[in-house]
Structures are given as structure tokens and as C-alpha cells.
């Protein structure tokens, strides 16, 4: 069975994503097989994967820290707020 670490915080923008990136790199250097995962994310700044799917940029940074290719399975639900989407005229 795989060992799992969950990082939780009390608010947005508290540094969880950067902490996880650091943990990914540290565990990768220690020889562990590492992959970040965030079940849902709300962000407009998304990344397009090689297979044409979108995922949050923070999870891409974490994948790079873990030295694995970004995969939309690492961030399966990407929410985009209608209030933040620029209006096209």
C-alpha cells in the first residue's frame, strides 16, 4: 500500500502548494516515487497538458518538483469562476 501525506490549511494563499512542491522534491531526492494530487482547484491560470487537458499551474509546479510529467489526473477537477472570466466583446 502506498504511503500518503495530506497537507491541509485554513485558508487560500497560505502556502500549501509551495510546501507540497518542496515535499515532492525532498521525497524524490530521497528515492521515493512521488506524484502530487489536488482533487479540485479553482483557478483561471490553467496549464494545457500534452493530451490537451487542463490542470492548475500549482500542480504543474509540484509535478516538476517531483520530476514527473504533468497529468490532468493530478488535478481532476479544475473550476473556473464566471466572475473572474474576462468578458469577450
N, C-alpha and C. Protein backbone atom coordinates (compact mmCIF):
# COMPACT_ATOMS: atom_id res chain seq x y z
N UNK A 1 0.84 -1.19 0.00
CA UNK A 1 0.00 0.00 0.00
C UNK A 1 0.88 1.25 0.00
N UNK A 2 0.50 2.22 -0.80
CA UNK A 2 1.26 3.47 -0.90
C UNK A 2 1.08 4.31 0.37
N UNK A 3 2.13 4.96 0.75
CA UNK A 3 2.05 5.90 1.87
C UNK A 3 1.64 7.25 1.32
N UNK A 4 0.78 7.94 2.03
CA UNK A 4 0.22 9.20 1.54
C UNK A 4 0.37 10.27 2.61
N UNK A 5 0.67 11.49 2.17
CA UNK A 5 0.70 12.65 3.06
C UNK A 5 -0.35 13.63 2.56
N UNK A 6 -1.15 14.15 3.47
CA UNK A 6 -2.14 15.16 3.11
C UNK A 6 -1.75 16.48 3.78
N UNK A 7 -1.71 17.55 2.98
CA UNK A 7 -1.42 18.87 3.51
C UNK A 7 -2.72 19.67 3.49
N UNK A 8 -3.09 20.22 4.64
CA UNK A 8 -4.32 20.99 4.75
C UNK A 8 -4.00 22.37 5.32
N UNK A 9 -4.86 23.32 4.99
CA UNK A 9 -4.69 24.66 5.52
C UNK A 9 -6.03 25.28 5.84
N UNK A 10 -5.99 26.38 6.52
CA UNK A 10 -7.23 27.02 6.97
C UNK A 10 -7.73 28.08 6.00
N UNK A 11 -6.95 28.40 4.97
CA UNK A 11 -7.38 29.44 4.04
C UNK A 11 -6.62 29.31 2.72
N UNK A 12 -7.10 30.02 1.71
CA UNK A 12 -6.38 30.09 0.44
C UNK A 12 -5.15 30.97 0.60
N UNK A 13 -4.19 30.76 -0.28
CA UNK A 13 -2.99 31.60 -0.32
C UNK A 13 -2.17 31.52 0.97
N UNK A 14 -2.18 30.36 1.61
CA UNK A 14 -1.40 30.22 2.85
C UNK A 14 -0.07 29.50 2.63
N UNK A 15 0.22 29.09 1.39
CA UNK A 15 1.49 28.47 1.09
C UNK A 15 1.48 26.95 0.97
N UNK A 16 0.30 26.35 0.96
CA UNK A 16 0.20 24.89 0.89
C UNK A 16 0.85 24.35 -0.38
N UNK A 17 0.59 24.98 -1.52
CA UNK A 17 1.11 24.48 -2.80
C UNK A 17 2.63 24.52 -2.82
N UNK A 18 3.23 25.59 -2.30
CA UNK A 18 4.69 25.68 -2.26
C UNK A 18 5.27 24.66 -1.29
N UNK A 19 4.61 24.45 -0.18
CA UNK A 19 5.07 23.44 0.78
C UNK A 19 5.04 22.06 0.14
N UNK A 20 3.98 21.75 -0.57
CA UNK A 20 3.86 20.44 -1.23
C UNK A 20 4.94 20.28 -2.30
N UNK A 21 5.23 21.35 -3.04
CA UNK A 21 6.30 21.28 -4.04
C UNK A 21 7.63 20.94 -3.37
N UNK A 22 7.90 21.58 -2.25
CA UNK A 22 9.12 21.28 -1.50
C UNK A 22 9.16 19.85 -1.00
N UNK A 23 8.03 19.36 -0.52
CA UNK A 23 7.97 17.97 -0.06
C UNK A 23 8.16 17.00 -1.22
N UNK A 24 7.56 17.32 -2.37
CA UNK A 24 7.73 16.47 -3.55
C UNK A 24 9.20 16.35 -3.92
N UNK A 25 9.91 17.47 -3.96
CA UNK A 25 11.33 17.45 -4.33
C UNK A 25 12.15 16.71 -3.28
N UNK A 26 11.86 16.96 -2.00
CA UNK A 26 12.61 16.32 -0.94
C UNK A 26 12.44 14.79 -1.00
N UNK A 27 11.21 14.33 -1.13
CA UNK A 27 10.97 12.88 -1.17
C UNK A 27 11.53 12.26 -2.44
N UNK A 28 11.47 12.98 -3.55
CA UNK A 28 12.07 12.48 -4.80
C UNK A 28 13.57 12.29 -4.62
N UNK A 29 14.23 13.27 -4.01
CA UNK A 29 15.68 13.17 -3.77
C UNK A 29 16.01 12.02 -2.82
N UNK A 30 15.07 11.68 -1.94
CA UNK A 30 15.28 10.58 -1.00
C UNK A 30 15.02 9.22 -1.66
N UNK A 31 14.58 9.23 -2.93
CA UNK A 31 14.38 7.98 -3.65
C UNK A 31 12.96 7.47 -3.70
N UNK A 32 12.01 8.24 -3.19
CA UNK A 32 10.62 7.82 -3.23
C UNK A 32 9.99 8.13 -4.59
N UNK A 33 8.99 7.35 -4.97
CA UNK A 33 8.19 7.64 -6.15
C UNK A 33 7.13 8.65 -5.70
N UNK A 34 7.13 9.82 -6.33
CA UNK A 34 6.31 10.93 -5.85
C UNK A 34 5.38 11.43 -6.95
N UNK A 35 4.15 11.77 -6.60
CA UNK A 35 3.22 12.42 -7.54
C UNK A 35 2.28 13.31 -6.73
N UNK A 36 2.17 14.58 -7.09
CA UNK A 36 1.24 15.48 -6.39
C UNK A 36 -0.20 15.18 -6.82
N UNK A 37 -1.15 15.54 -5.96
CA UNK A 37 -2.56 15.38 -6.28
C UNK A 37 -3.36 16.44 -5.54
N UNK A 38 -4.24 17.10 -6.25
CA UNK A 38 -5.21 18.02 -5.65
C UNK A 38 -6.53 17.75 -6.32
N UNK A 39 -7.51 17.27 -5.56
CA UNK A 39 -8.76 16.80 -6.16
C UNK A 39 -9.50 17.89 -6.91
N UNK A 40 -9.56 19.08 -6.35
CA UNK A 40 -10.22 20.17 -7.06
C UNK A 40 -9.49 21.47 -6.81
N UNK A 41 -9.53 22.33 -7.80
CA UNK A 41 -8.81 23.59 -7.74
C UNK A 41 -9.65 24.64 -8.44
N UNK A 42 -9.62 25.86 -7.95
CA UNK A 42 -10.30 26.97 -8.63
C UNK A 42 -9.23 27.96 -9.05
N UNK A 43 -9.04 28.07 -10.37
CA UNK A 43 -8.03 28.98 -10.90
C UNK A 43 -8.30 29.24 -12.37
N UNK A 44 -8.06 30.44 -12.80
CA UNK A 44 -8.16 30.76 -14.21
C UNK A 44 -6.85 30.48 -14.94
N UNK A 45 -5.75 30.54 -14.23
CA UNK A 45 -4.44 30.33 -14.84
C UNK A 45 -4.16 28.84 -14.92
N UNK A 46 -4.67 28.21 -15.98
CA UNK A 46 -4.50 26.78 -16.12
C UNK A 46 -3.37 26.45 -17.09
N UNK A 47 -2.98 25.20 -17.08
CA UNK A 47 -1.91 24.67 -17.92
C UNK A 47 -2.53 23.61 -18.82
N UNK A 48 -2.15 23.60 -20.08
CA UNK A 48 -2.64 22.59 -21.00
C UNK A 48 -1.62 21.46 -21.07
N UNK A 49 -2.08 20.25 -20.76
CA UNK A 49 -1.19 19.08 -20.76
C UNK A 49 -0.95 18.60 -22.20
N UNK A 50 -0.04 17.64 -22.36
CA UNK A 50 0.27 17.10 -23.68
C UNK A 50 -0.94 16.49 -24.36
N UNK A 51 -1.87 15.95 -23.56
CA UNK A 51 -3.08 15.35 -24.15
C UNK A 51 -4.22 16.36 -24.28
N UNK A 52 -3.94 17.65 -24.09
CA UNK A 52 -4.92 18.70 -24.33
C UNK A 52 -5.87 18.99 -23.19
N UNK A 53 -5.61 18.45 -22.02
CA UNK A 53 -6.47 18.69 -20.86
C UNK A 53 -5.88 19.82 -20.01
N UNK A 54 -6.70 20.39 -19.15
CA UNK A 54 -6.26 21.49 -18.30
C UNK A 54 -6.03 21.03 -16.87
N UNK A 55 -5.07 21.68 -16.23
CA UNK A 55 -4.85 21.46 -14.80
C UNK A 55 -4.29 22.74 -14.20
N UNK A 56 -4.36 22.86 -12.90
CA UNK A 56 -3.89 24.05 -12.22
C UNK A 56 -2.37 24.19 -12.32
N UNK A 57 -1.91 25.43 -12.44
CA UNK A 57 -0.47 25.68 -12.57
C UNK A 57 0.30 25.27 -11.32
N UNK A 58 -0.33 25.37 -10.15
CA UNK A 58 0.37 24.96 -8.92
C UNK A 58 0.68 23.47 -8.96
N UNK A 59 -0.22 22.65 -9.50
CA UNK A 59 0.03 21.22 -9.58
C UNK A 59 1.09 20.92 -10.63
N UNK A 60 1.19 21.74 -11.67
CA UNK A 60 2.27 21.58 -12.66
C UNK A 60 3.62 21.84 -11.99
N UNK A 61 3.68 22.91 -11.19
CA UNK A 61 4.92 23.22 -10.46
C UNK A 61 5.29 22.06 -9.52
N UNK A 62 4.30 21.47 -8.88
CA UNK A 62 4.56 20.35 -7.98
C UNK A 62 5.05 19.13 -8.76
N UNK A 63 4.45 18.89 -9.93
CA UNK A 63 4.89 17.77 -10.77
C UNK A 63 6.35 17.97 -11.20
N UNK A 64 6.69 19.21 -11.57
CA UNK A 64 8.07 19.49 -11.94
C UNK A 64 9.01 19.27 -10.76
N UNK A 65 8.58 19.63 -9.57
CA UNK A 65 9.40 19.40 -8.38
C UNK A 65 9.58 17.90 -8.14
N UNK A 66 8.56 17.11 -8.46
CA UNK A 66 8.63 15.66 -8.28
C UNK A 66 9.31 14.98 -9.46
N UNK A 67 9.66 15.78 -10.49
CA UNK A 67 10.32 15.27 -11.70
C UNK A 67 9.48 14.23 -12.42
N UNK A 68 8.16 14.53 -12.51
CA UNK A 68 7.23 13.70 -13.28
C UNK A 68 6.49 14.62 -14.25
N UNK A 69 5.98 14.05 -15.31
CA UNK A 69 5.24 14.83 -16.30
C UNK A 69 3.89 15.26 -15.72
N UNK A 70 3.48 16.51 -15.95
CA UNK A 70 2.17 16.95 -15.50
C UNK A 70 1.07 16.12 -16.17
N UNK A 71 0.10 15.68 -15.39
CA UNK A 71 -1.00 14.86 -15.90
C UNK A 71 -2.28 15.39 -15.26
N UNK A 72 -3.32 15.57 -16.06
CA UNK A 72 -4.58 16.11 -15.55
C UNK A 72 -5.17 15.25 -14.43
N UNK A 73 -4.78 14.00 -14.33
CA UNK A 73 -5.24 13.14 -13.23
C UNK A 73 -4.75 13.64 -11.88
N UNK A 74 -3.70 14.45 -11.89
CA UNK A 74 -3.18 15.02 -10.64
C UNK A 74 -4.10 16.13 -10.11
N UNK A 75 -4.95 16.66 -10.97
CA UNK A 75 -5.87 17.76 -10.62
C UNK A 75 -7.15 17.57 -11.45
N UNK A 76 -7.94 16.53 -11.12
CA UNK A 76 -9.06 16.15 -12.00
C UNK A 76 -10.19 17.16 -12.12
N UNK A 77 -10.39 18.02 -11.13
CA UNK A 77 -11.48 19.00 -11.19
C UNK A 77 -10.89 20.40 -11.13
N UNK A 78 -10.98 21.13 -12.24
CA UNK A 78 -10.50 22.50 -12.30
C UNK A 78 -11.70 23.41 -12.50
N UNK A 79 -12.00 24.19 -11.49
CA UNK A 79 -13.14 25.10 -11.54
C UNK A 79 -12.70 26.48 -11.99
N UNK A 80 -13.52 27.12 -12.81
CA UNK A 80 -13.23 28.47 -13.26
C UNK A 80 -14.43 29.35 -12.91
N UNK A 81 -14.20 30.36 -12.12
CA UNK A 81 -15.26 31.24 -11.68
C UNK A 81 -15.74 32.12 -12.82
N UNK A 82 -17.05 32.23 -12.98
CA UNK A 82 -17.61 33.11 -14.01
C UNK A 82 -17.33 34.57 -13.70
N UNK A 83 -17.13 34.91 -12.43
CA UNK A 83 -16.87 36.29 -12.05
C UNK A 83 -15.46 36.72 -12.42
N UNK A 84 -14.58 35.77 -12.68
CA UNK A 84 -13.20 36.10 -13.00
C UNK A 84 -12.89 36.02 -14.49
N UNK A 85 -13.77 35.40 -15.26
CA UNK A 85 -13.52 35.23 -16.70
C UNK A 85 -13.76 36.58 -17.39
N UNK A 86 -12.77 37.06 -18.13
CA UNK A 86 -12.96 38.35 -18.83
C UNK A 86 -14.06 38.24 -19.88
N UNK A 87 -14.84 39.27 -19.98
CA UNK A 87 -15.95 39.27 -20.94
C UNK A 87 -15.41 39.54 -22.34
N UNK A 88 -15.83 38.72 -23.29
CA UNK A 88 -15.40 38.88 -24.68
C UNK A 88 -16.45 39.73 -25.38
N UNK A 89 -15.99 40.76 -26.06
CA UNK A 89 -16.94 41.64 -26.77
C UNK A 89 -16.66 41.64 -28.24
